[in-house]
Amino acid sequence: MKLVDNESKKVLFNKRVNIGILPLMTKRGSYIVNGVERVIISQVIRSYGIFYNYDKRNVTQSFKIIPERGSWIEIFTEKSGTVVVRVNNSRKFYVTALLRVFGFETDESIKAFFEGVLDEEDFDYI
C-alpha cells in the first residue's frame, strides 16, 4: 500500500498490507472456503417502529407496530369499514376484542375512550 501527498508528491507510507484472503468463486456463484463450497446468504434485519400505510386504490389504512423484540401487531381497516387486528400474521380479529383485553370490557367504555376522537361526519368504525 502506498500513501502519497498530492502537493509535494512525497511518499508518506509504503508497505505491504494484508487485507485478507479472497475466496475462489465458482462459475455457479458459490465460493470455495477451506476446500468446501459455500453460498453467501444475506440476512434481513427488521427495523423496529411504527409503519403507516394508506392504500388509495382500496381506500384502506393500516399501521404495523414492530417492537425490537416480541410480536408484531398490524391494525388495518377493511373495505367494509371494519377495523381488524393481526398479531404475528395470525387470524384477523376485531380491534374491539384487543381493546377488551386491555381493560375496556363494555361497549360503552370503548365508545367513551374514542369520544373526543370521532366526529359525527366520519364513518363510525367502532
Protein backbone atom coordinates (compact mmCIF):
# COMPACT_ATOMS: atom_id res chain seq x y z
CA MET A 1 0.00 0.00 0.00
CA LYS A 2 1.36 3.38 -0.99
CA LEU A 3 0.22 6.70 0.52
CA VAL A 4 1.40 9.78 -1.43
CA ASP A 5 0.97 13.50 -0.66
CA ASN A 6 -0.58 15.08 -3.79
CA GLU A 7 1.02 18.53 -3.38
CA SER A 8 4.62 17.55 -2.71
CA LYS A 9 4.45 14.12 -4.39
CA LYS A 10 6.25 12.79 -1.30
CA VAL A 11 5.68 9.13 -0.35
CA LEU A 12 4.30 9.11 3.21
CA PHE A 13 3.77 5.36 3.62
CA ASN A 14 4.92 2.43 1.50
CA LYS A 15 4.48 -1.06 2.96
CA ARG A 16 2.76 -4.34 2.13
CA VAL A 17 -0.59 -4.70 3.81
CA ASN A 18 -2.51 -7.97 4.08
CA ILE A 19 -6.17 -7.04 3.56
CA GLY A 20 -7.42 -10.60 3.74
CA ILE A 21 -7.89 -13.75 1.75
CA LEU A 22 -10.46 -13.64 -1.03
CA PRO A 23 -12.12 -17.00 -1.60
CA LEU A 24 -12.28 -18.58 -5.05
CA MET A 25 -15.61 -18.02 -6.82
CA THR A 26 -17.06 -20.81 -8.96
CA LYS A 27 -18.98 -20.39 -12.22
CA ARG A 28 -22.28 -21.06 -10.37
CA GLY A 29 -21.79 -18.12 -7.98
CA SER A 30 -20.73 -20.08 -4.89
CA TYR A 31 -17.39 -19.75 -3.12
CA ILE A 32 -14.68 -22.24 -2.10
CA VAL A 33 -13.70 -21.63 1.53
CA ASN A 34 -11.28 -24.06 3.22
CA GLY A 35 -11.89 -26.56 0.42
CA VAL A 36 -15.68 -26.54 0.90
CA GLU A 37 -18.20 -24.99 -1.50
CA ARG A 38 -20.30 -22.35 0.28
CA VAL A 39 -23.10 -19.97 -0.66
CA ILE A 40 -23.46 -16.47 0.78
CA ILE A 41 -26.93 -15.77 2.21
CA SER A 42 -27.82 -12.23 3.23
CA GLN A 43 -29.69 -11.66 6.47
CA VAL A 44 -32.56 -9.20 6.55
CA ILE A 45 -32.58 -7.09 9.68
CA ARG A 46 -36.00 -5.77 10.58
CA SER A 47 -36.18 -2.20 11.75
CA TYR A 48 -38.47 -1.61 14.67
CA GLY A 49 -41.02 1.17 14.99
CA ILE A 50 -44.47 2.10 13.73
CA PHE A 51 -45.08 1.95 9.97
CA TYR A 52 -48.16 3.63 8.46
CA ASN A 53 -49.71 2.71 5.11
CA TYR A 54 -52.53 4.26 3.09
CA ASP A 55 -53.81 2.44 0.01
CA LYS A 56 -55.51 4.98 -2.28
CA ARG A 57 -56.84 2.34 -4.65
CA ASN A 58 -58.70 0.33 -1.99
CA VAL A 59 -59.15 3.30 0.40
CA THR A 60 -57.75 1.35 3.35
CA GLN A 61 -55.44 2.46 6.10
CA SER A 62 -53.14 0.37 8.25
CA PHE A 63 -50.21 0.52 10.61
CA LYS A 64 -47.77 -2.04 11.97
CA ILE A 65 -46.13 -1.93 15.35
CA ILE A 66 -42.83 -3.81 15.15
CA PRO A 67 -41.06 -3.98 18.52
CA GLU A 68 -37.35 -4.58 18.99
CA ARG A 69 -38.28 -7.96 20.48
CA GLY A 70 -41.64 -9.63 20.52
CA SER A 71 -44.79 -9.95 18.47
CA TRP A 72 -45.78 -7.75 15.53
CA ILE A 73 -49.19 -6.07 15.68
CA GLU A 74 -50.93 -4.91 12.50
CA ILE A 75 -54.13 -2.89 12.67
CA PHE A 76 -55.98 -2.05 9.45
CA THR A 77 -59.34 -1.12 8.03
CA GLU A 78 -61.05 -3.35 5.52
CA LYS A 79 -63.08 -2.17 2.52
CA SER A 80 -66.25 -2.73 4.53
CA GLY A 81 -65.07 -0.24 7.17
CA THR A 82 -64.33 -2.69 9.98
CA VAL A 83 -61.08 -2.30 11.90
CA VAL A 84 -59.24 -5.58 12.41
CA VAL A 85 -56.02 -6.70 14.09
CA ARG A 86 -53.42 -9.34 13.32
CA VAL A 87 -50.78 -10.43 15.82
CA ASN A 88 -47.78 -12.15 14.20
CA ASN A 89 -49.73 -12.63 10.94
CA SER A 90 -52.30 -14.77 12.75
CA ARG A 91 -56.02 -14.80 12.01
CA LYS A 92 -57.84 -11.48 11.89
CA PHE A 93 -59.99 -10.38 14.80
CA TYR A 94 -61.84 -7.16 15.61
CA VAL A 95 -59.98 -4.30 17.25
CA THR A 96 -62.66 -4.19 19.96
CA ALA A 97 -61.52 -7.66 21.08
CA LEU A 98 -58.00 -6.26 21.53
CA LEU A 99 -59.35 -3.30 23.48
CA ARG A 100 -61.29 -5.68 25.73
CA VAL A 101 -58.02 -7.44 26.53
CA PHE A 102 -56.59 -4.06 27.59
CA GLY A 103 -59.42 -3.49 30.08
CA PHE A 104 -62.27 -1.87 28.15
CA GLU A 105 -64.83 -4.55 28.91
CA THR A 106 -68.08 -2.92 27.78
CA ASP A 107 -69.18 -1.25 24.55
CA GLU A 108 -69.85 1.98 26.45
CA SER A 109 -66.31 2.12 27.85
CA ILE A 110 -64.85 1.62 24.34
CA LYS A 111 -67.06 4.37 22.88
CA ALA A 112 -66.15 6.67 25.81
CA PHE A 113 -62.46 6.06 25.07
CA PHE A 114 -62.90 7.35 21.49
CA GLU A 115 -65.39 10.10 22.35
CA GLY A 116 -63.12 13.08 21.60
CA VAL A 117 -61.59 11.48 18.50
CA LEU A 118 -64.60 10.51 16.40
CA ASP A 119 -66.59 13.18 14.56
CA GLU A 120 -70.20 12.78 13.59
CA GLU A 121 -69.22 13.23 9.91
CA ASP A 122 -66.65 10.44 9.99
CA PHE A 123 -67.55 6.85 9.33
CA ASP A 124 -68.35 5.10 12.59
CA TYR A 125 -65.60 2.47 12.83
CA ILE A 126 -66.39 1.46 16.39
